[in-house]
Amino acid sequence: MSATGYVLAAYAVFAVVLAWDYLSPRLQVRQALRRARSRATAPARRAAGDDASKKLTR
C-alpha cells in the first residue's frame, strides 16, 4: 500500500493554509486602511458637498 496520495494531499492542504495565513492579515490591514482613509476624508467631502448644494439652490 502506498501513501503517496495521502502525503501529496497533506502537503497541498498545508500549502493552502500557509498561503491563507500569509494573505488574510494583509487583506484585513488593507481593508482597515481603506476604511480609515475614508473616515478621514469624509468631513472634507461633506463640507465640499454642503458648499456645492448651497451654490446650486435657487
PDB file of N, CA and C in Angstrom:
ATOM      1  N   MET A   1       0.833  -1.175   0.000  1.00  0.00           N
ATOM      2  CA  MET A   1       0.000   0.000   0.000  1.00  0.00           C
ATOM      3  C   MET A   1       0.881   1.243   0.000  1.00  0.00           C
ATOM      4  N   SER A   2       0.544   2.185  -0.834  1.00  0.00           N
ATOM      5  CA  SER A   2       1.339   3.392  -0.960  1.00  0.00           C
ATOM      6  C   SER A   2       0.596   4.571  -0.325  1.00  0.00           C
ATOM      7  N   ALA A   3       1.341   5.401   0.339  1.00  0.00           N
ATOM      8  CA  ALA A   3       0.749   6.563   0.996  1.00  0.00           C
ATOM      9  C   ALA A   3       1.011   7.841   0.207  1.00  0.00           C
ATOM     10  N   THR A   4       1.369   7.696  -1.045  1.00  0.00           N
ATOM     11  CA  THR A   4       1.716   8.849  -1.867  1.00  0.00           C
ATOM     12  C   THR A   4       0.566   9.847  -1.981  1.00  0.00           C
ATOM     13  N   GLY A   5      -0.624   9.359  -2.230  1.00  0.00           N
ATOM     14  CA  GLY A   5      -1.786  10.241  -2.364  1.00  0.00           C
ATOM     15  C   GLY A   5      -2.068  11.009  -1.086  1.00  0.00           C
ATOM     16  N   TYR A   6      -1.974  10.311   0.029  1.00  0.00           N
ATOM     17  CA  TYR A   6      -2.212  10.948   1.326  1.00  0.00           C
ATOM     18  C   TYR A   6      -1.168  12.036   1.600  1.00  0.00           C
ATOM     19  N   VAL A   7       0.080  11.729   1.327  1.00  0.00           N
ATOM     20  CA  VAL A   7       1.157  12.684   1.578  1.00  0.00           C
ATOM     21  C   VAL A   7       1.007  13.902   0.669  1.00  0.00           C
ATOM     22  N   LEU A   8       0.698  13.687  -0.594  1.00  0.00           N
ATOM     23  CA  LEU A   8       0.508  14.812  -1.517  1.00  0.00           C
ATOM     24  C   LEU A   8      -0.684  15.672  -1.090  1.00  0.00           C
ATOM     25  N   ALA A   9      -1.758  15.040  -0.665  1.00  0.00           N
ATOM     26  CA  ALA A   9      -2.931  15.795  -0.205  1.00  0.00           C
ATOM     27  C   ALA A   9      -2.594  16.590   1.054  1.00  0.00           C
ATOM     28  N   ALA A  10      -1.825  15.997   1.951  1.00  0.00           N
ATOM     29  CA  ALA A  10      -1.442  16.697   3.177  1.00  0.00           C
ATOM     30  C   ALA A  10      -0.573  17.917   2.855  1.00  0.00           C
ATOM     31  N   TYR A  11       0.358  17.754   1.929  1.00  0.00           N
ATOM     32  CA  TYR A  11       1.186  18.897   1.530  1.00  0.00           C
ATOM     33  C   TYR A  11       0.354  19.974   0.838  1.00  0.00           C
ATOM     34  N   ALA A  12      -0.622  19.567   0.043  1.00  0.00           N
ATOM     35  CA  ALA A  12      -1.476  20.542  -0.636  1.00  0.00           C
ATOM     36  C   ALA A  12      -2.298  21.334   0.376  1.00  0.00           C
ATOM     37  N   VAL A  13      -2.853  20.650   1.356  1.00  0.00           N
ATOM     38  CA  VAL A  13      -3.629  21.336   2.392  1.00  0.00           C
ATOM     39  C   VAL A  13      -2.721  22.282   3.174  1.00  0.00           C
ATOM     40  N   PHE A  14      -1.520  21.831   3.494  1.00  0.00           N
ATOM     41  CA  PHE A  14      -0.559  22.668   4.212  1.00  0.00           C
ATOM     42  C   PHE A  14      -0.244  23.922   3.408  1.00  0.00           C
ATOM     43  N   ALA A  15      -0.031  23.788   2.103  1.00  0.00           N
ATOM     44  CA  ALA A  15       0.294  24.936   1.258  1.00  0.00           C
ATOM     45  C   ALA A  15      -0.870  25.926   1.204  1.00  0.00           C
ATOM     46  N   VAL A  16      -2.092  25.421   1.131  1.00  0.00           N
ATOM     47  CA  VAL A  16      -3.268  26.297   1.084  1.00  0.00           C
ATOM     48  C   VAL A  16      -3.409  27.056   2.398  1.00  0.00           C
ATOM     49  N   VAL A  17      -3.257  26.361   3.515  1.00  0.00           N
ATOM     50  CA  VAL A  17      -3.384  27.008   4.823  1.00  0.00           C
ATOM     51  C   VAL A  17      -2.254  28.025   5.019  1.00  0.00           C
ATOM     52  N   LEU A  18      -1.053  27.685   4.603  1.00  0.00           N
ATOM     53  CA  LEU A  18       0.073  28.604   4.717  1.00  0.00           C
ATOM     54  C   LEU A  18      -0.166  29.867   3.886  1.00  0.00           C
ATOM     55  N   ALA A  19      -0.677  29.696   2.680  1.00  0.00           N
ATOM     56  CA  ALA A  19      -0.980  30.851   1.832  1.00  0.00           C
ATOM     57  C   ALA A  19      -2.077  31.708   2.465  1.00  0.00           C
ATOM     58  N   TRP A  20      -3.106  31.078   3.023  1.00  0.00           N
ATOM     59  CA  TRP A  20      -4.181  31.833   3.666  1.00  0.00           C
ATOM     60  C   TRP A  20      -3.663  32.599   4.877  1.00  0.00           C
ATOM     61  N   ASP A  21      -2.805  31.957   5.673  1.00  0.00           N
ATOM     62  CA  ASP A  21      -2.223  32.630   6.834  1.00  0.00           C
ATOM     63  C   ASP A  21      -1.360  33.817   6.426  1.00  0.00           C
ATOM     64  N   TYR A  22      -0.796  33.773   5.248  1.00  0.00           N
ATOM     65  CA  TYR A  22       0.013  34.882   4.750  1.00  0.00           C
ATOM     66  C   TYR A  22      -0.866  36.009   4.212  1.00  0.00           C
ATOM     67  N   LEU A  23      -1.899  35.658   3.467  1.00  0.00           N
ATOM     68  CA  LEU A  23      -2.715  36.674   2.790  1.00  0.00           C
ATOM     69  C   LEU A  23      -3.782  37.309   3.669  1.00  0.00           C
ATOM     70  N   SER A  24      -4.384  36.550   4.539  1.00  0.00           N
ATOM     71  CA  SER A  24      -5.508  37.047   5.323  1.00  0.00           C
ATOM     72  C   SER A  24      -5.183  38.301   6.132  1.00  0.00           C
ATOM     73  N   PRO A  25      -4.104  38.344   6.903  1.00  0.00           N
ATOM     74  CA  PRO A  25      -3.819  39.572   7.656  1.00  0.00           C
ATOM     75  C   PRO A  25      -3.548  40.766   6.747  1.00  0.00           C
ATOM     76  N   ARG A  26      -2.909  40.516   5.629  1.00  0.00           N
ATOM     77  CA  ARG A  26      -2.621  41.622   4.709  1.00  0.00           C
ATOM     78  C   ARG A  26      -3.897  42.200   4.116  1.00  0.00           C
ATOM     79  N   LEU A  27      -4.848  41.336   3.799  1.00  0.00           N
ATOM     80  CA  LEU A  27      -6.127  41.819   3.288  1.00  0.00           C
ATOM     81  C   LEU A  27      -6.894  42.589   4.361  1.00  0.00           C
ATOM     82  N   GLN A  28      -6.831  42.124   5.599  1.00  0.00           N
ATOM     83  CA  GLN A  28      -7.511  42.816   6.688  1.00  0.00           C
ATOM     84  C   GLN A  28      -6.894  44.187   6.937  1.00  0.00           C
ATOM     85  N   VAL A  29      -5.576  44.279   6.884  1.00  0.00           N
ATOM     86  CA  VAL A  29      -4.908  45.567   7.081  1.00  0.00           C
ATOM     87  C   VAL A  29      -5.251  46.510   5.941  1.00  0.00           C
ATOM     88  N   ARG A  30      -5.258  46.003   4.731  1.00  0.00           N
ATOM     89  CA  ARG A  30      -5.596  46.832   3.570  1.00  0.00           C
ATOM     90  C   ARG A  30      -7.017  47.383   3.700  1.00  0.00           C
ATOM     91  N   GLN A  31      -7.947  46.532   4.129  1.00  0.00           N
ATOM     92  CA  GLN A  31      -9.330  46.968   4.299  1.00  0.00           C
ATOM     93  C   GLN A  31      -9.452  47.995   5.426  1.00  0.00           C
ATOM     94  N   ALA A  32      -8.731  47.791   6.513  1.00  0.00           N
ATOM     95  CA  ALA A  32      -8.786  48.735   7.630  1.00  0.00           C
ATOM     96  C   ALA A  32      -8.208  50.086   7.219  1.00  0.00           C
ATOM     97  N   LEU A  33      -7.123  50.089   6.472  1.00  0.00           N
ATOM     98  CA  LEU A  33      -6.541  51.347   5.994  1.00  0.00           C
ATOM     99  C   LEU A  33      -7.505  52.075   5.058  1.00  0.00           C
ATOM    100  N   ARG A  34      -8.173  51.325   4.204  1.00  0.00           N
ATOM    101  CA  ARG A  34      -9.137  51.936   3.283  1.00  0.00           C
ATOM    102  C   ARG A  34     -10.272  52.596   4.058  1.00  0.00           C
ATOM    103  N   ARG A  35     -10.772  51.883   5.106  1.00  0.00           N
ATOM    104  CA  ARG A  35     -11.842  52.467   5.924  1.00  0.00           C
ATOM    105  C   ARG A  35     -11.358  53.697   6.680  1.00  0.00           C
ATOM    106  N   ALA A  36     -10.136  53.656   7.201  1.00  0.00           N
ATOM    107  CA  ALA A  36      -9.603  54.792   7.949  1.00  0.00           C
ATOM    108  C   ALA A  36      -9.423  56.004   7.035  1.00  0.00           C
ATOM    109  N   ARG A  37      -8.920  55.782   5.838  1.00  0.00           N
ATOM    110  CA  ARG A  37      -8.768  56.899   4.889  1.00  0.00           C
ATOM    111  C   ARG A  37     -10.123  57.482   4.520  1.00  0.00           C
ATOM    112  N   SER A  38     -11.099  56.616   4.355  1.00  0.00           N
ATOM    113  CA  SER A  38     -12.438  57.074   4.018  1.00  0.00           C
ATOM    114  C   SER A  38     -13.018  57.919   5.146  1.00  0.00           C
ATOM    115  N   ARG A  39     -12.829  57.454   6.393  1.00  0.00           N
ATOM    116  CA  ARG A  39     -13.326  58.224   7.533  1.00  0.00           C
ATOM    117  C   ARG A  39     -12.587  59.544   7.678  1.00  0.00           C
ATOM    118  N   ALA A  40     -11.303  59.571   7.346  1.00  0.00           N
ATOM    119  CA  ALA A  40     -10.517  60.798   7.483  1.00  0.00           C
ATOM    120  C   ALA A  40     -10.935  61.847   6.454  1.00  0.00           C
ATOM    121  N   THR A  41     -11.331  61.410   5.277  1.00  0.00           N
ATOM    122  CA  THR A  41     -11.711  62.362   4.241  1.00  0.00           C
ATOM    123  C   THR A  41     -13.206  62.662   4.219  1.00  0.00           C
ATOM    124  N   ALA A  42     -13.989  61.953   5.009  1.00  0.00           N
ATOM    125  CA  ALA A  42     -15.445  62.152   4.994  1.00  0.00           C
ATOM    126  C   ALA A  42     -15.858  63.578   5.367  1.00  0.00           C
ATOM    127  N   PRO A  43     -15.285  64.192   6.419  1.00  0.00           N
ATOM    128  CA  PRO A  43     -15.703  65.565   6.739  1.00  0.00           C
ATOM    129  C   PRO A  43     -15.411  66.550   5.603  1.00  0.00           C
ATOM    130  N   ALA A  44     -14.287  66.386   4.953  1.00  0.00           N
ATOM    131  CA  ALA A  44     -13.955  67.282   3.843  1.00  0.00           C
ATOM    132  C   ALA A  44     -14.928  67.086   2.680  1.00  0.00           C
ATOM    133  N   ARG A  45     -15.275  65.824   2.429  1.00  0.00           N
ATOM    134  CA  ARG A  45     -16.242  65.572   1.351  1.00  0.00           C
ATOM    135  C   ARG A  45     -17.612  66.119   1.706  1.00  0.00           C
ATOM    136  N   ARG A  46     -18.001  65.981   2.980  1.00  0.00           N
ATOM    137  CA  ARG A  46     -19.292  66.522   3.394  1.00  0.00           C
ATOM    138  C   ARG A  46     -19.302  68.035   3.280  1.00  0.00           C
ATOM    139  N   ALA A  47     -18.215  68.674   3.688  1.00  0.00           N
ATOM    140  CA  ALA A  47     -18.132  70.133   3.610  1.00  0.00           C
ATOM    141  C   ALA A  47     -18.180  70.590   2.153  1.00  0.00           C
ATOM    142  N   ALA A  48     -17.480  69.899   1.300  1.00  0.00           N
ATOM    143  CA  ALA A  48     -17.496  70.250  -0.117  1.00  0.00           C
ATOM    144  C   ALA A  48     -18.889  70.030  -0.692  1.00  0.00           C
ATOM    145  N   GLY A  49     -19.549  68.979  -0.262  1.00  0.00           N
ATOM    146  CA  GLY A  49     -20.909  68.714  -0.726  1.00  0.00           C
ATOM    147  C   GLY A  49     -21.877  69.764  -0.246  1.00  0.00           C
ATOM    148  N   ASP A  50     -21.717  70.257   0.980  1.00  0.00           N
ATOM    149  CA  ASP A  50     -22.590  71.303   1.502  1.00  0.00           C
ATOM    150  C   ASP A  50     -22.409  72.595   0.725  1.00  0.00           C
ATOM    151  N   ASP A  51     -21.166  72.956   0.433  1.00  0.00           N
ATOM    152  CA  ASP A  51     -20.917  74.165  -0.339  1.00  0.00           C
ATOM    153  C   ASP A  51     -21.526  74.064  -1.730  1.00  0.00           C
ATOM    154  N   ALA A  52     -21.368  72.926  -2.337  1.00  0.00           N
ATOM    155  CA  ALA A  52     -21.904  72.745  -3.688  1.00  0.00           C
ATOM    156  C   ALA A  52     -23.422  72.814  -3.676  1.00  0.00           C
ATOM    157  N   SER A  53     -24.046  72.241  -2.672  1.00  0.00           N
ATOM    158  CA  SER A  53     -25.505  72.251  -2.655  1.00  0.00           C
ATOM    159  C   SER A  53     -26.031  73.663  -2.392  1.00  0.00           C
ATOM    160  N   LYS A  54     -25.306  74.482  -1.621  1.00  0.00           N
ATOM    161  CA  LYS A  54     -25.730  75.849  -1.390  1.00  0.00           C
ATOM    162  C   LYS A  54     -25.623  76.693  -2.653  1.00  0.00           C
ATOM    163  N   LYS A  55     -24.616  76.421  -3.449  1.00  0.00           N
ATOM    164  CA  LYS A  55     -24.436  77.183  -4.668  1.00  0.00           C
ATOM    165  C   LYS A  55     -25.496  76.833  -5.698  1.00  0.00           C
ATOM    166  N   LEU A  56     -25.989  75.606  -5.659  1.00  0.00           N
ATOM    167  CA  LEU A  56     -26.922  75.178  -6.691  1.00  0.00           C
ATOM    168  C   LEU A  56     -28.377  75.478  -6.338  1.00  0.00           C
ATOM    169  N   THR A  57     -28.667  75.817  -5.085  1.00  0.00           N
ATOM    170  CA  THR A  57     -30.048  76.096  -4.722  1.00  0.00           C
ATOM    171  C   THR A  57     -30.446  77.480  -5.239  1.00  0.00           C
ATOM    172  N   ARG A  58     -31.725  77.630  -5.491  1.00  0.00           N
ATOM    173  CA  ARG A  58     -32.196  78.914  -6.004  1.00  0.00           C
ATOM    174  C   ARG A  58     -33.077  79.588  -5.017  1.00  0.00           C
TER     175      ARG A  58
END
